[in-house]
Amino acid sequence: MSGGGVTAATVAVIAAKKREEIFLRFRERAAVSAATALTPEELGLPQRGMFRMQVRKGAVVEVDGGKYYMDEEVVARQQQQRQWIILGLMGVLAIALLAVWLFN
């Protein structure tokens, strides 16, 4: 794997870890509905980077001016989409490896 590939893989792993840490914090504090929404301070989360990205994607929803909750349905849908992407990439890689093996 090239140096760029290693860097991209490292970035993807770090992003996944941060995303899961955010979702874990919401689950631990039971902030999973509008009625149980909490502020970022109550959640112990900085309101930047991955947090903001999850708000834009709809996985984290703002209510009552500064309180947030995690939308489990959106999170599950995003996870399923990521799994399909990974499965597709693995299929492409398998076909490429098979082609290399067949033509060598």
N, C-alpha and C. Protein backbone atom coordinates (compact mmCIF):
# COMPACT_ATOMS: atom_id res chain seq x y z
N MET A 1 0.86 -1.19 0.00
CA MET A 1 0.00 0.00 0.00
C MET A 1 0.90 1.23 0.00
N SER A 2 0.54 2.24 -0.75
CA SER A 2 1.34 3.46 -0.82
C SER A 2 1.20 4.26 0.46
N GLY A 3 2.09 5.22 0.64
CA GLY A 3 2.04 6.08 1.82
C GLY A 3 0.72 6.83 1.91
N GLY A 4 0.19 7.27 0.76
CA GLY A 4 -1.10 7.96 0.74
C GLY A 4 -2.23 7.05 1.16
N GLY A 5 -2.15 5.78 0.78
CA GLY A 5 -3.17 4.81 1.16
C GLY A 5 -3.19 4.57 2.66
N VAL A 6 -1.98 4.50 3.23
CA VAL A 6 -1.88 4.30 4.68
C VAL A 6 -2.45 5.51 5.39
N THR A 7 -2.14 6.70 4.92
CA THR A 7 -2.64 7.92 5.54
C THR A 7 -4.16 7.99 5.46
N ALA A 8 -4.71 7.67 4.31
CA ALA A 8 -6.17 7.70 4.13
C ALA A 8 -6.84 6.68 5.05
N ALA A 9 -6.24 5.50 5.15
CA ALA A 9 -6.80 4.47 6.03
C ALA A 9 -6.74 4.92 7.48
N THR A 10 -5.65 5.55 7.87
CA THR A 10 -5.50 6.04 9.25
C THR A 10 -6.54 7.10 9.56
N VAL A 11 -6.74 8.02 8.62
CA VAL A 11 -7.74 9.07 8.81
C VAL A 11 -9.13 8.47 8.94
N ALA A 12 -9.43 7.47 8.12
CA ALA A 12 -10.75 6.82 8.18
C ALA A 12 -10.96 6.12 9.52
N VAL A 13 -9.93 5.48 10.03
CA VAL A 13 -10.04 4.80 11.33
C VAL A 13 -10.24 5.81 12.45
N ILE A 14 -9.50 6.90 12.42
CA ILE A 14 -9.64 7.94 13.45
C ILE A 14 -11.04 8.55 13.40
N ALA A 15 -11.54 8.84 12.19
CA ALA A 15 -12.88 9.41 12.05
C ALA A 15 -13.94 8.45 12.58
N ALA A 16 -13.81 7.17 12.27
CA ALA A 16 -14.78 6.17 12.76
C ALA A 16 -14.75 6.11 14.28
N LYS A 17 -13.57 6.17 14.87
CA LYS A 17 -13.43 6.12 16.32
C LYS A 17 -14.09 7.34 16.97
N LYS A 18 -13.85 8.51 16.42
CA LYS A 18 -14.46 9.74 16.96
C LYS A 18 -15.98 9.69 16.84
N ARG A 19 -16.47 9.22 15.69
CA ARG A 19 -17.91 9.12 15.48
C ARG A 19 -18.52 8.17 16.52
N GLU A 20 -17.91 7.02 16.72
CA GLU A 20 -18.44 6.06 17.69
C GLU A 20 -18.36 6.58 19.12
N GLU A 21 -17.33 7.34 19.45
CA GLU A 21 -17.21 7.95 20.78
C GLU A 21 -18.37 8.92 21.03
N ILE A 22 -18.71 9.70 20.01
CA ILE A 22 -19.83 10.64 20.13
C ILE A 22 -21.13 9.88 20.35
N PHE A 23 -21.38 8.86 19.54
CA PHE A 23 -22.62 8.10 19.67
C PHE A 23 -22.68 7.38 21.01
N LEU A 24 -21.56 6.87 21.48
CA LEU A 24 -21.52 6.20 22.79
C LEU A 24 -21.89 7.18 23.90
N ARG A 25 -21.39 8.40 23.82
CA ARG A 25 -21.69 9.42 24.84
C ARG A 25 -23.19 9.71 24.89
N PHE A 26 -23.82 9.82 23.71
CA PHE A 26 -25.26 10.06 23.67
C PHE A 26 -26.01 8.88 24.28
N ARG A 27 -25.58 7.67 23.95
CA ARG A 27 -26.25 6.48 24.50
C ARG A 27 -26.05 6.36 26.01
N GLU A 28 -24.84 6.61 26.47
CA GLU A 28 -24.56 6.53 27.91
C GLU A 28 -25.41 7.50 28.71
N ARG A 29 -25.65 8.68 28.14
CA ARG A 29 -26.41 9.72 28.83
C ARG A 29 -27.90 9.67 28.45
N ALA A 30 -28.28 8.66 27.64
CA ALA A 30 -29.68 8.44 27.22
C ALA A 30 -30.27 9.66 26.50
N ALA A 31 -29.44 10.38 25.77
CA ALA A 31 -29.90 11.53 24.99
C ALA A 31 -30.27 11.04 23.59
N VAL A 32 -31.40 10.31 23.53
CA VAL A 32 -31.80 9.67 22.28
C VAL A 32 -33.20 10.08 21.82
N SER A 33 -33.70 11.18 22.38
CA SER A 33 -34.99 11.72 21.94
C SER A 33 -35.02 13.21 22.28
N ALA A 34 -35.97 13.92 21.70
CA ALA A 34 -36.09 15.35 21.99
C ALA A 34 -36.33 15.59 23.48
N ALA A 35 -37.06 14.68 24.12
CA ALA A 35 -37.37 14.84 25.55
C ALA A 35 -36.15 14.65 26.44
N THR A 36 -35.14 13.91 25.95
CA THR A 36 -33.96 13.65 26.78
C THR A 36 -32.71 14.36 26.27
N ALA A 37 -32.90 15.33 25.37
CA ALA A 37 -31.78 16.06 24.77
C ALA A 37 -30.96 16.78 25.84
N LEU A 38 -29.65 16.88 25.57
CA LEU A 38 -28.72 17.52 26.51
C LEU A 38 -27.83 18.50 25.75
N THR A 39 -27.20 19.40 26.48
CA THR A 39 -26.25 20.32 25.87
C THR A 39 -24.93 19.59 25.63
N PRO A 40 -24.10 20.10 24.73
CA PRO A 40 -22.78 19.49 24.53
C PRO A 40 -21.97 19.45 25.83
N GLU A 41 -22.13 20.47 26.65
CA GLU A 41 -21.41 20.49 27.92
C GLU A 41 -21.87 19.34 28.83
N GLU A 42 -23.18 19.11 28.87
CA GLU A 42 -23.70 18.00 29.67
C GLU A 42 -23.24 16.65 29.13
N LEU A 43 -23.04 16.60 27.83
CA LEU A 43 -22.57 15.36 27.19
C LEU A 43 -21.05 15.22 27.29
N GLY A 44 -20.39 16.32 27.61
CA GLY A 44 -18.93 16.31 27.65
C GLY A 44 -18.31 16.23 26.27
N LEU A 45 -18.97 16.87 25.29
CA LEU A 45 -18.50 16.83 23.92
C LEU A 45 -18.19 18.23 23.41
N PRO A 46 -17.06 18.40 22.72
CA PRO A 46 -16.80 19.69 22.08
C PRO A 46 -17.73 19.85 20.88
N GLN A 47 -18.19 21.04 20.65
CA GLN A 47 -19.16 21.31 19.59
C GLN A 47 -18.42 21.73 18.31
N ARG A 48 -17.58 20.81 17.80
CA ARG A 48 -16.82 21.08 16.57
C ARG A 48 -16.52 19.77 15.87
N GLY A 49 -15.87 19.86 14.72
CA GLY A 49 -15.40 18.69 13.99
C GLY A 49 -16.47 17.65 13.73
N MET A 50 -16.23 16.44 14.25
CA MET A 50 -17.12 15.31 14.01
C MET A 50 -18.51 15.56 14.58
N PHE A 51 -18.60 16.25 15.70
CA PHE A 51 -19.92 16.58 16.28
C PHE A 51 -20.74 17.38 15.27
N ARG A 52 -20.14 18.44 14.72
CA ARG A 52 -20.83 19.29 13.75
C ARG A 52 -21.20 18.50 12.49
N MET A 53 -20.31 17.61 12.06
CA MET A 53 -20.59 16.79 10.89
C MET A 53 -21.82 15.92 11.12
N GLN A 54 -21.95 15.35 12.32
CA GLN A 54 -23.09 14.50 12.62
C GLN A 54 -24.38 15.32 12.71
N VAL A 55 -24.29 16.58 13.12
CA VAL A 55 -25.46 17.46 13.11
C VAL A 55 -25.88 17.69 11.66
N ARG A 56 -24.92 18.00 10.78
CA ARG A 56 -25.24 18.24 9.37
C ARG A 56 -25.86 17.00 8.71
N LYS A 57 -25.40 15.81 9.11
CA LYS A 57 -25.91 14.57 8.53
C LYS A 57 -27.23 14.13 9.15
N GLY A 58 -27.66 14.79 10.21
CA GLY A 58 -28.94 14.46 10.83
C GLY A 58 -28.87 13.36 11.88
N ALA A 59 -27.69 12.85 12.17
CA ALA A 59 -27.54 11.81 13.20
C ALA A 59 -27.67 12.42 14.59
N VAL A 60 -27.23 13.67 14.72
CA VAL A 60 -27.38 14.44 15.96
C VAL A 60 -28.30 15.60 15.64
N VAL A 61 -29.35 15.74 16.44
CA VAL A 61 -30.42 16.71 16.16
C VAL A 61 -30.45 17.77 17.27
N GLU A 62 -30.48 19.04 16.85
CA GLU A 62 -30.58 20.13 17.82
C GLU A 62 -32.04 20.45 18.12
N VAL A 63 -32.35 20.62 19.40
CA VAL A 63 -33.68 21.04 19.85
C VAL A 63 -33.50 22.05 20.97
N ASP A 64 -34.54 22.80 21.25
CA ASP A 64 -34.55 23.72 22.39
C ASP A 64 -33.30 24.57 22.51
N GLY A 65 -32.85 25.12 21.38
CA GLY A 65 -31.74 26.07 21.39
C GLY A 65 -30.51 25.62 22.16
N GLY A 66 -29.81 24.65 21.63
CA GLY A 66 -28.54 24.25 22.22
C GLY A 66 -28.52 22.88 22.86
N LYS A 67 -29.64 22.20 22.86
CA LYS A 67 -29.68 20.82 23.34
C LYS A 67 -29.72 19.89 22.14
N TYR A 68 -29.13 18.70 22.31
CA TYR A 68 -29.01 17.76 21.20
C TYR A 68 -29.38 16.35 21.65
N TYR A 69 -29.86 15.58 20.67
CA TYR A 69 -30.05 14.15 20.90
C TYR A 69 -29.60 13.40 19.66
N MET A 70 -29.35 12.10 19.83
CA MET A 70 -28.92 11.26 18.74
C MET A 70 -30.14 10.56 18.15
N ASP A 71 -30.29 10.63 16.83
CA ASP A 71 -31.38 9.95 16.13
C ASP A 71 -30.90 8.55 15.75
N GLU A 72 -31.32 7.55 16.52
CA GLU A 72 -30.86 6.17 16.31
C GLU A 72 -31.16 5.65 14.91
N GLU A 73 -32.30 6.04 14.33
CA GLU A 73 -32.65 5.57 12.99
C GLU A 73 -31.67 6.09 11.95
N VAL A 74 -31.29 7.36 12.05
CA VAL A 74 -30.34 7.93 11.11
C VAL A 74 -28.98 7.28 11.29
N VAL A 75 -28.56 7.07 12.53
CA VAL A 75 -27.27 6.42 12.80
C VAL A 75 -27.26 5.01 12.20
N ALA A 76 -28.33 4.26 12.39
CA ALA A 76 -28.42 2.89 11.84
C ALA A 76 -28.37 2.93 10.31
N ARG A 77 -29.05 3.88 9.71
CA ARG A 77 -29.07 4.00 8.25
C ARG A 77 -27.67 4.34 7.72
N GLN A 78 -26.97 5.24 8.41
CA GLN A 78 -25.60 5.59 8.01
C GLN A 78 -24.69 4.38 8.12
N GLN A 79 -24.83 3.61 9.19
CA GLN A 79 -24.01 2.42 9.38
C GLN A 79 -24.25 1.42 8.25
N GLN A 80 -25.51 1.24 7.89
CA GLN A 80 -25.84 0.31 6.81
C GLN A 80 -25.24 0.78 5.48
N GLN A 81 -25.29 2.08 5.23
CA GLN A 81 -24.70 2.63 4.00
C GLN A 81 -23.19 2.39 3.98
N ARG A 82 -22.52 2.61 5.12
CA ARG A 82 -21.08 2.37 5.19
C ARG A 82 -20.77 0.90 4.93
N GLN A 83 -21.59 0.00 5.46
CA GLN A 83 -21.36 -1.43 5.25
C GLN A 83 -21.50 -1.80 3.77
N TRP A 84 -22.49 -1.22 3.08
CA TRP A 84 -22.66 -1.50 1.65
C TRP A 84 -21.47 -0.97 0.85
N ILE A 85 -20.98 0.19 1.22
CA ILE A 85 -19.82 0.76 0.53
C ILE A 85 -18.61 -0.15 0.71
N ILE A 86 -18.38 -0.59 1.93
CA ILE A 86 -17.24 -1.48 2.21
C ILE A 86 -17.40 -2.79 1.44
N LEU A 87 -18.59 -3.35 1.44
CA LEU A 87 -18.84 -4.58 0.71
C LEU A 87 -18.57 -4.40 -0.79
N GLY A 88 -19.01 -3.29 -1.34
CA GLY A 88 -18.76 -2.99 -2.75
C GLY A 88 -17.28 -2.86 -3.05
N LEU A 89 -16.56 -2.17 -2.19
CA LEU A 89 -15.11 -2.02 -2.39
C LEU A 89 -14.40 -3.35 -2.29
N MET A 90 -14.83 -4.20 -1.37
CA MET A 90 -14.24 -5.53 -1.25
C MET A 90 -14.50 -6.35 -2.50
N GLY A 91 -15.69 -6.22 -3.08
CA GLY A 91 -16.00 -6.92 -4.32
C GLY A 91 -15.12 -6.47 -5.46
N VAL A 92 -14.93 -5.17 -5.59
CA VAL A 92 -14.06 -4.62 -6.64
C VAL A 92 -12.64 -5.13 -6.45
N LEU A 93 -12.17 -5.13 -5.21
CA LEU A 93 -10.82 -5.61 -4.92
C LEU A 93 -10.69 -7.09 -5.26
N ALA A 94 -11.69 -7.89 -4.93
CA ALA A 94 -11.65 -9.33 -5.23
C ALA A 94 -11.60 -9.56 -6.74
N ILE A 95 -12.38 -8.81 -7.49
CA ILE A 95 -12.37 -8.94 -8.95
C ILE A 95 -11.01 -8.54 -9.51
N ALA A 96 -10.44 -7.46 -9.01
CA ALA A 96 -9.12 -7.01 -9.48
C ALA A 96 -8.05 -8.05 -9.17
N LEU A 97 -8.09 -8.62 -7.97
CA LEU A 97 -7.11 -9.65 -7.62
C LEU A 97 -7.28 -10.90 -8.48
N LEU A 98 -8.51 -11.27 -8.75
CA LEU A 98 -8.77 -12.42 -9.61
C LEU A 98 -8.25 -12.16 -11.03
N ALA A 99 -8.48 -10.97 -11.53
CA ALA A 99 -8.00 -10.62 -12.87
C ALA A 99 -6.48 -10.67 -12.93
N VAL A 100 -5.81 -10.13 -11.92
CA VAL A 100 -4.34 -10.17 -11.86
C VAL A 100 -3.86 -11.62 -11.84
N TRP A 101 -4.49 -12.44 -11.04
CA TRP A 101 -4.11 -13.85 -10.93
C TRP A 101 -4.32 -14.59 -12.25
N LEU A 102 -5.45 -14.33 -12.91
CA LEU A 102 -5.76 -15.01 -14.16
C LEU A 102 -4.83 -14.62 -15.30
N PHE A 103 -4.41 -13.37 -15.33
CA PHE A 103 -3.61 -12.87 -16.46
C PHE A 103 -2.11 -12.88 -16.19
N ASN A 104 -1.70 -13.49 -15.13
CA ASN A 104 -0.25 -13.61 -14.85
C ASN A 104 0.21 -15.01 -15.04
